[in-house]
Amino acid sequence: MINTIPGEPFTAILIEAPIGLVGTLTFSIINATSGAVVVAPRTTGILEVAPGTYTTQETLLSVGSYIASWSDEEEIATEEITVGTDLPLEGTYASVGDVRGYAPELVTYSHEEIRTEIVKAERDLDWWAGFGGLVNETSGLRFDPLADLDPRFSSAITRATCAQVQYRFYMGPAFFTEELGYEEVQGRDQTVRKGRRVGPQARSEFPRALRKMTGKIA
């Protein structure tokens, strides 16, 4: 599901597809209500950013509901797109503005792309913190609302969320979807360790005392 606003570029992602489809893979968009073609099938502007993972950017100008389609002779996948004027820019732990202030190099990414990664980063931090208490029934998050925490802790969680969003963009989507079947592989010439879901800067920003309160060793 993609949420965006009129005139705001967004990125569509196709994962777990056959490799080597650049040049034959097409992307198109239709109006979900009328069935009218909004973006005709195209092969241009599609990148294979990792084996079997493809991305493309598009912009829709009118409010409404749409369906994006990826095809290679036969349809591979579809995704709903909602274009509205009230796209929320606030996350629970951080806002789009917080992320842009923390990581100005992300200026090339749209509000929608950053908002999507904020949601994922919040759950990354919840997982890493190991908090065993009750979660918020509405958001499903463990430190919601932040206003209930000491201001030093809430500010640190916001910074950690921003750092994790930054890490997610740096590592790319394939890093977080690929299943690595090992913790560590040692050989004569090298040692390879499993990649970390939460980045080093996010771990540094997260309030250490709060993580100790969860009962999980920091």
C-alpha atoms as a PDB file:
ATOM      1  CA  MET A   1       0.000   0.000   0.000  1.00  0.00           C
ATOM      2  CA  ILE A   2       1.408   3.383  -1.033  1.00  0.00           C
ATOM      3  CA  ASN A   3       0.103   6.629   0.459  1.00  0.00           C
ATOM      4  CA  THR A   4       1.088   9.909  -1.139  1.00  0.00           C
ATOM      5  CA  ILE A   5      -0.124  13.410  -1.954  1.00  0.00           C
ATOM      6  CA  PRO A   6      -0.753  15.026  -5.363  1.00  0.00           C
ATOM      7  CA  GLY A   7       2.445  16.002  -7.137  1.00  0.00           C
ATOM      8  CA  GLU A   8       4.717  14.206  -4.645  1.00  0.00           C
ATOM      9  CA  PRO A   9       7.076  11.634  -6.237  1.00  0.00           C
ATOM     10  CA  PHE A  10       6.815   8.171  -4.707  1.00  0.00           C
ATOM     11  CA  THR A  11       8.750   4.951  -5.160  1.00  0.00           C
ATOM     12  CA  ALA A  12       7.105   1.645  -6.041  1.00  0.00           C
ATOM     13  CA  ILE A  13       9.018  -1.510  -5.101  1.00  0.00           C
ATOM     14  CA  LEU A  14       8.728  -5.047  -6.448  1.00  0.00           C
ATOM     15  CA  ILE A  15      10.493  -7.780  -4.450  1.00  0.00           C
ATOM     16  CA  GLU A  16      11.062 -11.519  -4.868  1.00  0.00           C
ATOM     17  CA  ALA A  17      10.717 -11.330  -8.647  1.00  0.00           C
ATOM     18  CA  PRO A  18      12.823 -13.137 -11.256  1.00  0.00           C
ATOM     19  CA  ILE A  19      16.219 -11.562 -11.843  1.00  0.00           C
ATOM     20  CA  GLY A  20      17.293  -9.809 -15.016  1.00  0.00           C
ATOM     21  CA  LEU A  21      13.929  -8.339 -16.043  1.00  0.00           C
ATOM     22  CA  VAL A  22      15.117  -4.787 -16.729  1.00  0.00           C
ATOM     23  CA  GLY A  23      14.084  -3.972 -20.274  1.00  0.00           C
ATOM     24  CA  THR A  24      11.082  -6.318 -20.344  1.00  0.00           C
ATOM     25  CA  LEU A  25       9.447  -5.650 -16.960  1.00  0.00           C
ATOM     26  CA  THR A  26       6.663  -3.062 -17.256  1.00  0.00           C
ATOM     27  CA  PHE A  27       5.067  -0.768 -14.705  1.00  0.00           C
ATOM     28  CA  SER A  28       1.623   0.784 -15.109  1.00  0.00           C
ATOM     29  CA  ILE A  29      -1.111   2.473 -13.059  1.00  0.00           C
ATOM     30  CA  ILE A  30      -4.883   2.481 -13.497  1.00  0.00           C
ATOM     31  CA  ASN A  31      -7.616   4.392 -11.693  1.00  0.00           C
ATOM     32  CA  ALA A  32      -9.144   1.905  -9.240  1.00  0.00           C
ATOM     33  CA  THR A  33     -12.614   3.426  -9.641  1.00  0.00           C
ATOM     34  CA  SER A  34     -12.944   3.958 -13.380  1.00  0.00           C
ATOM     35  CA  GLY A  35     -10.359   1.502 -14.660  1.00  0.00           C
ATOM     36  CA  ALA A  36      -8.853   4.239 -16.823  1.00  0.00           C
ATOM     37  CA  VAL A  37      -5.150   3.954 -17.605  1.00  0.00           C
ATOM     38  CA  VAL A  38      -3.281   6.718 -15.790  1.00  0.00           C
ATOM     39  CA  VAL A  39       0.278   5.582 -16.474  1.00  0.00           C
ATOM     40  CA  ALA A  40       0.633   3.468 -19.597  1.00  0.00           C
ATOM     41  CA  PRO A  41       2.808   0.342 -19.308  1.00  0.00           C
ATOM     42  CA  ARG A  42       6.456   1.380 -19.499  1.00  0.00           C
ATOM     43  CA  THR A  43       9.820  -0.300 -19.247  1.00  0.00           C
ATOM     44  CA  THR A  44      11.807   2.904 -18.743  1.00  0.00           C
ATOM     45  CA  GLY A  45      12.845   4.162 -15.312  1.00  0.00           C
ATOM     46  CA  ILE A  46      12.874   0.698 -13.720  1.00  0.00           C
ATOM     47  CA  LEU A  47      15.981  -0.302 -11.766  1.00  0.00           C
ATOM     48  CA  GLU A  48      17.001  -3.684 -10.368  1.00  0.00           C
ATOM     49  CA  VAL A  49      18.519  -2.463  -7.089  1.00  0.00           C
ATOM     50  CA  ALA A  50      19.230  -5.998  -5.863  1.00  0.00           C
ATOM     51  CA  PRO A  51      18.703  -9.432  -7.421  1.00  0.00           C
ATOM     52  CA  GLY A  52      14.948  -9.755  -7.944  1.00  0.00           C
ATOM     53  CA  THR A  53      14.153  -6.354  -6.368  1.00  0.00           C
ATOM     54  CA  TYR A  54      12.984  -3.559  -8.667  1.00  0.00           C
ATOM     55  CA  THR A  55      12.086   0.084  -8.048  1.00  0.00           C
ATOM     56  CA  THR A  56      10.628   2.907 -10.060  1.00  0.00           C
ATOM     57  CA  GLN A  57       9.462   6.436  -9.316  1.00  0.00           C
ATOM     58  CA  GLU A  58       6.168   7.979 -10.379  1.00  0.00           C
ATOM     59  CA  THR A  59       4.005  11.013  -9.579  1.00  0.00           C
ATOM     60  CA  LEU A  60       0.210  11.232  -9.541  1.00  0.00           C
ATOM     61  CA  LEU A  61      -1.498  14.604  -9.727  1.00  0.00           C
ATOM     62  CA  SER A  62      -5.078  13.855  -8.675  1.00  0.00           C
ATOM     63  CA  VAL A  63      -6.615  12.678  -5.407  1.00  0.00           C
ATOM     64  CA  GLY A  64      -8.027   9.169  -5.678  1.00  0.00           C
ATOM     65  CA  SER A  65      -7.411   5.436  -5.484  1.00  0.00           C
ATOM     66  CA  TYR A  66      -5.166   3.696  -7.962  1.00  0.00           C
ATOM     67  CA  ILE A  67      -3.685   0.273  -8.691  1.00  0.00           C
ATOM     68  CA  ALA A  68      -0.068  -0.156  -9.758  1.00  0.00           C
ATOM     69  CA  SER A  69       0.838  -3.230 -11.785  1.00  0.00           C
ATOM     70  CA  TRP A  70       4.160  -4.930 -12.507  1.00  0.00           C
ATOM     71  CA  SER A  71       4.119  -7.266 -15.520  1.00  0.00           C
ATOM     72  CA  ASP A  72       6.453  -9.351 -17.641  1.00  0.00           C
ATOM     73  CA  GLU A  73       4.168 -10.849 -20.280  1.00  0.00           C
ATOM     74  CA  GLU A  74       2.013 -11.930 -17.336  1.00  0.00           C
ATOM     75  CA  GLU A  75       1.111  -9.851 -14.282  1.00  0.00           C
ATOM     76  CA  ILE A  76       3.590 -10.363 -11.443  1.00  0.00           C
ATOM     77  CA  ALA A  77       2.212  -8.124  -8.692  1.00  0.00           C
ATOM     78  CA  THR A  78      -0.180  -5.268  -7.949  1.00  0.00           C
ATOM     79  CA  GLU A  79      -0.257  -2.635  -5.223  1.00  0.00           C
ATOM     80  CA  GLU A  80      -2.883  -0.139  -4.085  1.00  0.00           C
ATOM     81  CA  ILE A  81      -2.042   3.558  -4.171  1.00  0.00           C
ATOM     82  CA  THR A  82      -3.977   6.219  -2.277  1.00  0.00           C
ATOM     83  CA  VAL A  83      -3.439   9.859  -3.206  1.00  0.00           C
ATOM     84  CA  GLY A  84      -4.886  12.229  -0.621  1.00  0.00           C
ATOM     85  CA  THR A  85      -4.425  15.736   0.704  1.00  0.00           C
ATOM     86  CA  ASP A  86      -4.101  14.715   4.347  1.00  0.00           C
ATOM     87  CA  LEU A  87      -1.113  12.362   4.266  1.00  0.00           C
ATOM     88  CA  PRO A  88       0.098  12.146   7.871  1.00  0.00           C
ATOM     89  CA  LEU A  89       3.691  13.320   8.273  1.00  0.00           C
ATOM     90  CA  GLU A  90       3.814  12.449  11.957  1.00  0.00           C
ATOM     91  CA  GLY A  91       5.018   9.087  13.162  1.00  0.00           C
ATOM     92  CA  THR A  92       4.680   7.936  16.764  1.00  0.00           C
ATOM     93  CA  TYR A  93       8.357   8.187  17.690  1.00  0.00           C
ATOM     94  CA  ALA A  94       9.435  10.710  15.025  1.00  0.00           C
ATOM     95  CA  SER A  95       8.023  12.875  12.249  1.00  0.00           C
ATOM     96  CA  VAL A  96       9.163  13.401   8.676  1.00  0.00           C
ATOM     97  CA  GLY A  97      10.464  16.799   9.808  1.00  0.00           C
ATOM     98  CA  ASP A  98      12.503  15.151  12.578  1.00  0.00           C
ATOM     99  CA  VAL A  99      14.112  12.791  10.069  1.00  0.00           C
ATOM    100  CA  ARG A 100      14.871  15.556   7.574  1.00  0.00           C
ATOM    101  CA  GLY A 101      16.486  17.610  10.326  1.00  0.00           C
ATOM    102  CA  TYR A 102      18.547  14.667  11.586  1.00  0.00           C
ATOM    103  CA  ALA A 103      19.605  13.366   8.166  1.00  0.00           C
ATOM    104  CA  PRO A 104      19.526  16.215   5.622  1.00  0.00           C
ATOM    105  CA  GLU A 105      21.172  13.974   3.014  1.00  0.00           C
ATOM    106  CA  LEU A 106      17.792  12.246   2.604  1.00  0.00           C
ATOM    107  CA  VAL A 107      16.487  15.326   0.782  1.00  0.00           C
ATOM    108  CA  THR A 108      16.064  13.321  -2.441  1.00  0.00           C
ATOM    109  CA  TYR A 109      13.484  11.019  -0.795  1.00  0.00           C
ATOM    110  CA  SER A 110       9.797  11.949  -0.742  1.00  0.00           C
ATOM    111  CA  HIS A 111       7.692  12.512   2.370  1.00  0.00           C
ATOM    112  CA  GLU A 112       5.871   9.242   1.631  1.00  0.00           C
ATOM    113  CA  GLU A 113       9.095   7.251   1.398  1.00  0.00           C
ATOM    114  CA  ILE A 114      10.386   8.648   4.689  1.00  0.00           C
ATOM    115  CA  ARG A 115       7.022   8.173   6.437  1.00  0.00           C
ATOM    116  CA  THR A 116       7.007   4.520   5.336  1.00  0.00           C
ATOM    117  CA  GLU A 117      10.486   3.944   6.777  1.00  0.00           C
ATOM    118  CA  ILE A 118       9.573   5.681  10.058  1.00  0.00           C
ATOM    119  CA  VAL A 119       6.869   3.070  10.678  1.00  0.00           C
ATOM    120  CA  LYS A 120       9.373   0.260  10.062  1.00  0.00           C
ATOM    121  CA  ALA A 121      12.091   1.932  12.150  1.00  0.00           C
ATOM    122  CA  GLU A 122       9.744   2.276  15.119  1.00  0.00           C
ATOM    123  CA  ARG A 123       9.139  -1.471  15.120  1.00  0.00           C
ATOM    124  CA  ASP A 124      12.838  -2.163  14.654  1.00  0.00           C
ATOM    125  CA  LEU A 125      13.553  -0.256  17.868  1.00  0.00           C
ATOM    126  CA  ASP A 126      10.749  -1.976  19.769  1.00  0.00           C
ATOM    127  CA  TRP A 127      12.212  -5.331  18.751  1.00  0.00           C
ATOM    128  CA  TRP A 128      15.731  -4.314  19.734  1.00  0.00           C
ATOM    129  CA  ALA A 129      14.704  -2.847  23.099  1.00  0.00           C
ATOM    130  CA  GLY A 130      13.188  -6.150  24.194  1.00  0.00           C
ATOM    131  CA  PHE A 131      10.524  -4.404  26.268  1.00  0.00           C
ATOM    132  CA  GLY A 132       8.235  -6.945  27.909  1.00  0.00           C
ATOM    133  CA  GLY A 133       5.396  -4.679  29.055  1.00  0.00           C
ATOM    134  CA  LEU A 134       2.047  -3.845  27.496  1.00  0.00           C
ATOM    135  CA  VAL A 135       1.904  -2.312  24.054  1.00  0.00           C
ATOM    136  CA  ASN A 136      -0.380   0.519  22.989  1.00  0.00           C
ATOM    137  CA  GLU A 137      -3.565  -1.137  21.686  1.00  0.00           C
ATOM    138  CA  THR A 138      -3.951   1.423  18.884  1.00  0.00           C
ATOM    139  CA  SER A 139      -0.418   1.723  17.509  1.00  0.00           C
ATOM    140  CA  GLY A 140       1.009  -1.587  18.686  1.00  0.00           C
ATOM    141  CA  LEU A 141       4.121   0.228  19.885  1.00  0.00           C
ATOM    142  CA  ARG A 142       5.803  -0.241  23.237  1.00  0.00           C
ATOM    143  CA  PHE A 143       6.787   3.337  24.113  1.00  0.00           C
ATOM    144  CA  ASP A 144       3.589   5.045  22.964  1.00  0.00           C
ATOM    145  CA  PRO A 145       2.880   7.747  24.013  1.00  0.00           C
ATOM    146  CA  LEU A 146       6.359   9.232  24.279  1.00  0.00           C
ATOM    147  CA  ALA A 147       4.884  12.015  26.405  1.00  0.00           C
ATOM    148  CA  ASP A 148       4.608   9.543  29.294  1.00  0.00           C
ATOM    149  CA  LEU A 149       8.389   9.126  29.368  1.00  0.00           C
ATOM    150  CA  ASP A 150      11.066  11.325  30.869  1.00  0.00           C
ATOM    151  CA  PRO A 151      11.771  14.044  28.220  1.00  0.00           C
ATOM    152  CA  ARG A 152      15.371  12.861  27.974  1.00  0.00           C
ATOM    153  CA  PHE A 153      14.175   9.373  27.058  1.00  0.00           C
ATOM    154  CA  SER A 154      11.527  10.529  24.599  1.00  0.00           C
ATOM    155  CA  SER A 155      14.023  12.806  22.799  1.00  0.00           C
ATOM    156  CA  ALA A 156      16.534   9.964  22.629  1.00  0.00           C
ATOM    157  CA  ILE A 157      13.947   7.571  21.146  1.00  0.00           C
ATOM    158  CA  THR A 158      13.109  10.188  18.506  1.00  0.00           C
ATOM    159  CA  ARG A 159      16.793  10.526  17.599  1.00  0.00           C
ATOM    160  CA  ALA A 160      17.189   6.734  17.533  1.00  0.00           C
ATOM    161  CA  THR A 161      14.213   6.457  15.194  1.00  0.00           C
ATOM    162  CA  CYS A 162      15.705   9.059  12.862  1.00  0.00           C
ATOM    163  CA  ALA A 163      19.039   7.220  12.905  1.00  0.00           C
ATOM    164  CA  GLN A 164      17.316   3.931  12.090  1.00  0.00           C
ATOM    165  CA  VAL A 165      15.461   5.515   9.153  1.00  0.00           C
ATOM    166  CA  GLN A 166      18.820   6.818   7.929  1.00  0.00           C
ATOM    167  CA  TYR A 167      20.275   3.299   8.295  1.00  0.00           C
ATOM    168  CA  ARG A 168      17.367   1.726   6.403  1.00  0.00           C
ATOM    169  CA  PHE A 169      17.870   4.010   3.424  1.00  0.00           C
ATOM    170  CA  TYR A 170      21.638   3.455   3.504  1.00  0.00           C
ATOM    171  CA  MET A 171      21.373  -0.344   3.604  1.00  0.00           C
ATOM    172  CA  GLY A 172      18.525  -0.618   1.102  1.00  0.00           C
ATOM    173  CA  PRO A 173      15.336  -2.734   1.145  1.00  0.00           C
ATOM    174  CA  ALA A 174      17.000  -6.013   0.135  1.00  0.00           C
ATOM    175  CA  PHE A 175      19.127  -5.992   3.300  1.00  0.00           C
ATOM    176  CA  PHE A 176      16.019  -6.137   5.494  1.00  0.00           C
ATOM    177  CA  THR A 177      14.087  -8.699   3.434  1.00  0.00           C
ATOM    178  CA  GLU A 178      16.911 -11.174   2.829  1.00  0.00           C
ATOM    179  CA  GLU A 179      17.085 -14.103   5.237  1.00  0.00           C
ATOM    180  CA  LEU A 180      20.680 -14.687   6.277  1.00  0.00           C
ATOM    181  CA  GLY A 181      21.083 -18.324   7.330  1.00  0.00           C
ATOM    182  CA  TYR A 182      24.037 -17.838   9.603  1.00  0.00           C
ATOM    183  CA  GLU A 183      25.179 -15.874  12.623  1.00  0.00           C
ATOM    184  CA  GLU A 184      28.868 -16.093  11.811  1.00  0.00           C
ATOM    185  CA  VAL A 185      30.976 -17.880   9.230  1.00  0.00           C
ATOM    186  CA  GLN A 186      34.701 -18.231   9.868  1.00  0.00           C
ATOM    187  CA  GLY A 187      37.271 -19.117   7.262  1.00  0.00           C
ATOM    188  CA  ARG A 188      41.014 -19.052   6.829  1.00  0.00           C
ATOM    189  CA  ASP A 189      41.014 -15.573   5.319  1.00  0.00           C
ATOM    190  CA  GLN A 190      37.928 -13.888   6.733  1.00  0.00           C
ATOM    191  CA  THR A 191      35.112 -13.894   9.249  1.00  0.00           C
ATOM    192  CA  VAL A 192      31.628 -12.893   8.077  1.00  0.00           C
ATOM    193  CA  ARG A 193      28.967 -11.964  10.598  1.00  0.00           C
ATOM    194  CA  LYS A 194      25.241 -11.701  10.084  1.00  0.00           C
ATOM    195  CA  GLY A 195      24.043  -8.173   9.335  1.00  0.00           C
ATOM    196  CA  ARG A 196      22.376  -6.199  12.092  1.00  0.00           C
ATOM    197  CA  ARG A 197      18.731  -5.174  11.838  1.00  0.00           C
ATOM    198  CA  VAL A 198      19.251  -2.038  13.962  1.00  0.00           C
ATOM    199  CA  GLY A 199      22.071   0.272  12.934  1.00  0.00           C
ATOM    200  CA  PRO A 200      24.963   1.302  15.195  1.00  0.00           C
ATOM    201  CA  GLN A 201      23.945   4.961  15.377  1.00  0.00           C
ATOM    202  CA  ALA A 202      20.371   4.046  16.333  1.00  0.00           C
ATOM    203  CA  ARG A 203      21.675   1.754  19.075  1.00  0.00           C
ATOM    204  CA  SER A 204      23.905   4.574  20.303  1.00  0.00           C
ATOM    205  CA  GLU A 205      21.063   7.104  20.364  1.00  0.00           C
ATOM    206  CA  PHE A 206      18.578   4.799  22.118  1.00  0.00           C
ATOM    207  CA  PRO A 207      18.483   5.483  25.889  1.00  0.00           C
ATOM    208  CA  ARG A 208      20.622   2.780  27.470  1.00  0.00           C
ATOM    209  CA  ALA A 209      18.932   3.107  30.861  1.00  0.00           C
ATOM    210  CA  LEU A 210      15.527   2.534  29.299  1.00  0.00           C
ATOM    211  CA  ARG A 211      16.749  -0.600  27.593  1.00  0.00           C
ATOM    212  CA  LYS A 212      18.096  -1.917  30.900  1.00  0.00           C
ATOM    213  CA  MET A 213      14.656  -1.327  32.411  1.00  0.00           C
ATOM    214  CA  THR A 214      13.276  -3.864  29.929  1.00  0.00           C
ATOM    215  CA  GLY A 215      15.360  -6.598  31.481  1.00  0.00           C
ATOM    216  CA  LYS A 216      17.346  -7.245  28.322  1.00  0.00           C
ATOM    217  CA  ILE A 217      21.127  -7.008  28.479  1.00  0.00           C
ATOM    218  CA  ALA A 218      22.370  -3.948  26.570  1.00  0.00           C
END
